[in-house]
């Protein structure tokens, strides 16, 4: 995934930079991408699915504790807003 991003950036800059500049860009991209982790779209979708499962488990536990339906709806909507999922 990282290599694909690096290649796309280099292809975009190929006509703008000299060979020396391209080599420097390549080295910088390699060193900077080593420091980060890239999560693919598939993992993000799986993460959202897992989040919904965890929310359902939490809400079920609160229901067993005796929380009202209004409170359960509030908890669920608040958690979804905090996580930024829809």
N, C-alpha and C. Protein backbone atom coordinates (compact mmCIF):
# COMPACT_ATOMS: atom_id res chain seq x y z
N UNK A 1 0.83 -1.19 0.00
CA UNK A 1 0.00 0.00 0.00
C UNK A 1 0.88 1.25 0.00
N UNK A 2 1.90 1.25 0.87
CA UNK A 2 2.79 2.40 0.94
C UNK A 2 3.52 2.60 -0.39
N UNK A 3 3.98 1.50 -0.98
CA UNK A 3 4.69 1.60 -2.25
C UNK A 3 3.81 2.17 -3.35
N UNK A 4 2.52 1.80 -3.36
CA UNK A 4 1.59 2.34 -4.35
C UNK A 4 1.44 3.85 -4.19
N UNK A 5 1.38 4.32 -2.96
CA UNK A 5 1.25 5.75 -2.71
C UNK A 5 2.51 6.48 -3.16
N UNK A 6 3.66 5.91 -2.82
CA UNK A 6 4.93 6.52 -3.23
C UNK A 6 5.03 6.61 -4.74
N UNK A 7 4.66 5.55 -5.42
CA UNK A 7 4.72 5.53 -6.89
C UNK A 7 3.80 6.59 -7.48
N UNK A 8 2.59 6.72 -6.95
CA UNK A 8 1.65 7.72 -7.47
C UNK A 8 2.19 9.14 -7.26
N UNK A 9 2.78 9.39 -6.10
CA UNK A 9 3.35 10.71 -5.85
C UNK A 9 4.50 10.98 -6.81
N UNK A 10 5.37 10.00 -6.98
CA UNK A 10 6.51 10.17 -7.89
C UNK A 10 6.06 10.37 -9.33
N UNK A 11 5.04 9.63 -9.75
CA UNK A 11 4.52 9.81 -11.11
C UNK A 11 3.94 11.20 -11.29
N UNK A 12 3.29 11.72 -10.27
CA UNK A 12 2.71 13.06 -10.35
C UNK A 12 3.78 14.13 -10.43
N UNK A 13 4.91 13.89 -9.81
CA UNK A 13 5.98 14.88 -9.77
C UNK A 13 7.05 14.69 -10.84
N UNK A 14 6.95 13.64 -11.64
CA UNK A 14 7.99 13.27 -12.60
C UNK A 14 8.34 14.38 -13.58
N UNK A 15 7.36 15.11 -14.05
CA UNK A 15 7.62 16.14 -15.05
C UNK A 15 8.01 17.48 -14.43
N UNK A 16 7.90 17.58 -13.12
CA UNK A 16 8.18 18.83 -12.42
C UNK A 16 9.59 18.86 -11.83
N UNK A 17 10.07 17.71 -11.40
CA UNK A 17 11.35 17.65 -10.69
C UNK A 17 12.45 17.07 -11.56
N UNK A 18 13.69 17.48 -11.26
CA UNK A 18 14.85 16.90 -11.95
C UNK A 18 15.13 15.52 -11.37
N UNK A 19 16.07 14.81 -11.97
CA UNK A 19 16.41 13.46 -11.48
C UNK A 19 16.95 13.50 -10.06
N UNK A 20 17.75 14.48 -9.74
CA UNK A 20 18.30 14.61 -8.38
C UNK A 20 17.19 14.89 -7.39
N UNK A 21 16.28 15.77 -7.77
CA UNK A 21 15.15 16.09 -6.90
C UNK A 21 14.23 14.88 -6.72
N UNK A 22 14.03 14.13 -7.78
CA UNK A 22 13.19 12.92 -7.69
C UNK A 22 13.81 11.90 -6.74
N UNK A 23 15.14 11.76 -6.82
CA UNK A 23 15.82 10.83 -5.93
C UNK A 23 15.68 11.27 -4.48
N UNK A 24 15.83 12.56 -4.25
CA UNK A 24 15.66 13.10 -2.89
C UNK A 24 14.23 12.89 -2.40
N UNK A 25 13.24 13.17 -3.26
CA UNK A 25 11.84 12.95 -2.92
C UNK A 25 11.60 11.48 -2.57
N UNK A 26 12.13 10.59 -3.36
CA UNK A 26 11.96 9.15 -3.13
C UNK A 26 12.51 8.76 -1.76
N UNK A 27 13.70 9.23 -1.44
CA UNK A 27 14.31 8.90 -0.15
C UNK A 27 13.50 9.46 1.02
N UNK A 28 13.01 10.67 0.87
CA UNK A 28 12.19 11.29 1.92
C UNK A 28 10.89 10.51 2.11
N UNK A 29 10.23 10.17 1.01
CA UNK A 29 8.97 9.42 1.10
C UNK A 29 9.19 8.07 1.78
N UNK A 30 10.26 7.38 1.42
CA UNK A 30 10.54 6.09 2.06
C UNK A 30 10.76 6.24 3.55
N UNK A 31 11.55 7.24 3.95
CA UNK A 31 11.84 7.39 5.38
C UNK A 31 10.61 7.84 6.16
N UNK A 32 9.78 8.69 5.58
CA UNK A 32 8.60 9.18 6.28
C UNK A 32 7.50 8.11 6.37
N UNK A 33 7.34 7.31 5.30
CA UNK A 33 6.32 6.28 5.32
C UNK A 33 6.69 5.12 6.25
N UNK A 34 7.97 4.97 6.58
CA UNK A 34 8.37 3.96 7.55
C UNK A 34 7.79 4.26 8.93
N UNK A 35 7.55 5.53 9.21
CA UNK A 35 7.11 5.98 10.53
C UNK A 35 5.60 5.84 10.75
N UNK A 36 4.86 5.60 9.68
CA UNK A 36 3.40 5.59 9.82
C UNK A 36 2.83 4.24 9.42
N UNK A 37 1.63 4.00 9.91
CA UNK A 37 0.89 2.79 9.55
C UNK A 37 -0.31 3.21 8.73
N UNK A 38 -0.51 2.57 7.61
CA UNK A 38 -1.62 2.90 6.72
C UNK A 38 -2.67 1.80 6.85
N UNK A 39 -3.89 2.22 7.15
CA UNK A 39 -4.99 1.28 7.27
C UNK A 39 -5.79 1.34 5.98
N UNK A 40 -5.94 0.19 5.34
CA UNK A 40 -6.69 0.13 4.09
C UNK A 40 -8.18 0.27 4.33
N UNK A 41 -8.91 0.52 3.26
CA UNK A 41 -10.36 0.69 3.35
C UNK A 41 -11.04 -0.56 3.90
N UNK A 42 -10.53 -1.73 3.55
CA UNK A 42 -11.15 -2.97 4.03
C UNK A 42 -11.09 -3.05 5.54
N UNK A 43 -9.95 -2.67 6.12
CA UNK A 43 -9.80 -2.71 7.56
C UNK A 43 -10.69 -1.67 8.23
N UNK A 44 -10.85 -0.52 7.59
CA UNK A 44 -11.73 0.52 8.15
C UNK A 44 -13.17 0.02 8.20
N UNK A 45 -13.63 -0.64 7.13
CA UNK A 45 -14.98 -1.18 7.11
C UNK A 45 -15.16 -2.23 8.20
N UNK A 46 -14.15 -3.06 8.37
CA UNK A 46 -14.20 -4.09 9.40
C UNK A 46 -14.21 -3.43 10.78
N UNK A 47 -13.45 -2.36 10.94
CA UNK A 47 -13.40 -1.64 12.21
C UNK A 47 -14.76 -1.04 12.55
N UNK A 48 -15.43 -0.47 11.56
CA UNK A 48 -16.76 0.11 11.78
C UNK A 48 -17.74 -0.99 12.18
N UNK A 49 -17.66 -2.13 11.51
CA UNK A 49 -18.53 -3.27 11.86
C UNK A 49 -18.27 -3.72 13.29
N UNK A 50 -17.00 -3.80 13.66
CA UNK A 50 -16.66 -4.19 15.04
C UNK A 50 -17.18 -3.16 16.04
N UNK A 51 -17.06 -1.88 15.69
CA UNK A 51 -17.56 -0.83 16.59
C UNK A 51 -19.05 -0.99 16.84
N UNK A 52 -19.82 -1.27 15.79
CA UNK A 52 -21.26 -1.47 15.97
C UNK A 52 -21.55 -2.68 16.86
N UNK A 53 -20.76 -3.73 16.70
CA UNK A 53 -20.94 -4.91 17.56
C UNK A 53 -20.67 -4.55 19.02
N UNK A 54 -19.60 -3.79 19.25
CA UNK A 54 -19.27 -3.39 20.62
C UNK A 54 -20.34 -2.48 21.21
N UNK A 55 -20.88 -1.60 20.38
CA UNK A 55 -21.96 -0.72 20.84
C UNK A 55 -23.17 -1.56 21.25
N UNK A 56 -23.53 -2.53 20.40
CA UNK A 56 -24.68 -3.40 20.71
C UNK A 56 -24.45 -4.18 22.00
N UNK A 57 -23.24 -4.66 22.21
CA UNK A 57 -22.92 -5.38 23.45
C UNK A 57 -23.06 -4.45 24.65
N UNK A 58 -22.54 -3.24 24.53
CA UNK A 58 -22.63 -2.26 25.62
C UNK A 58 -24.09 -1.94 25.93
N UNK A 59 -24.87 -1.67 24.89
CA UNK A 59 -26.28 -1.33 25.08
C UNK A 59 -27.04 -2.49 25.71
N UNK A 60 -26.72 -3.72 25.29
CA UNK A 60 -27.36 -4.90 25.89
C UNK A 60 -27.04 -5.00 27.37
N UNK A 61 -25.80 -4.73 27.73
CA UNK A 61 -25.41 -4.77 29.14
C UNK A 61 -26.16 -3.71 29.94
N UNK A 62 -26.31 -2.53 29.37
CA UNK A 62 -27.03 -1.45 30.06
C UNK A 62 -28.52 -1.80 30.19
N UNK A 63 -29.05 -2.50 29.20
CA UNK A 63 -30.45 -2.92 29.25
C UNK A 63 -30.65 -3.92 30.39
N UNK A 64 -29.70 -4.84 30.53
CA UNK A 64 -29.76 -5.82 31.62
C UNK A 64 -29.68 -5.10 32.97
N UNK A 65 -28.91 -4.01 33.03
CA UNK A 65 -28.79 -3.25 34.27
C UNK A 65 -30.07 -2.50 34.61
N UNK A 66 -30.99 -2.39 33.63
CA UNK A 66 -32.26 -1.76 33.91
C UNK A 66 -32.41 -0.34 33.39
N UNK A 67 -31.54 0.09 32.49
CA UNK A 67 -31.66 1.44 31.93
C UNK A 67 -32.92 1.54 31.06
N UNK A 68 -33.51 2.73 31.02
CA UNK A 68 -34.71 2.94 30.22
C UNK A 68 -34.37 2.97 28.73
N UNK A 69 -35.39 2.79 27.91
CA UNK A 69 -35.20 2.82 26.46
C UNK A 69 -34.66 4.19 26.03
N UNK A 70 -35.17 5.24 26.64
CA UNK A 70 -34.71 6.59 26.33
C UNK A 70 -33.22 6.74 26.63
N UNK A 71 -32.78 6.21 27.76
CA UNK A 71 -31.37 6.27 28.13
C UNK A 71 -30.51 5.45 27.18
N UNK A 72 -31.01 4.28 26.79
CA UNK A 72 -30.27 3.42 25.86
C UNK A 72 -30.08 4.10 24.51
N UNK A 73 -31.13 4.76 24.03
CA UNK A 73 -31.04 5.49 22.76
C UNK A 73 -30.04 6.63 22.87
N UNK A 74 -30.05 7.31 24.01
CA UNK A 74 -29.11 8.41 24.24
C UNK A 74 -27.67 7.89 24.24
N UNK A 75 -27.42 6.79 24.96
CA UNK A 75 -26.09 6.20 25.00
C UNK A 75 -25.61 5.84 23.59
N UNK A 76 -26.48 5.16 22.86
CA UNK A 76 -26.10 4.70 21.52
C UNK A 76 -25.79 5.88 20.60
N UNK A 77 -26.65 6.89 20.59
CA UNK A 77 -26.42 8.04 19.71
C UNK A 77 -25.16 8.80 20.12
N UNK A 78 -24.92 8.90 21.43
CA UNK A 78 -23.72 9.60 21.90
C UNK A 78 -22.44 8.87 21.50
N UNK A 79 -22.43 7.55 21.64
CA UNK A 79 -21.26 6.77 21.28
C UNK A 79 -20.99 6.86 19.77
N UNK A 80 -22.05 6.79 18.97
CA UNK A 80 -21.88 6.89 17.51
C UNK A 80 -21.32 8.25 17.14
N UNK A 81 -21.79 9.31 17.78
CA UNK A 81 -21.26 10.65 17.49
C UNK A 81 -19.79 10.75 17.89
N UNK A 82 -19.45 10.21 19.04
CA UNK A 82 -18.06 10.27 19.50
C UNK A 82 -17.13 9.52 18.54
N UNK A 83 -17.55 8.36 18.09
CA UNK A 83 -16.73 7.56 17.19
C UNK A 83 -16.74 8.09 15.75
N UNK A 84 -17.70 8.94 15.43
CA UNK A 84 -17.79 9.51 14.10
C UNK A 84 -18.22 8.53 13.03
N UNK A 85 -19.06 7.56 13.43
CA UNK A 85 -19.56 6.58 12.47
C UNK A 85 -21.04 6.83 12.23
N UNK A 86 -21.53 6.34 11.11
CA UNK A 86 -22.95 6.52 10.78
C UNK A 86 -23.60 5.23 10.45
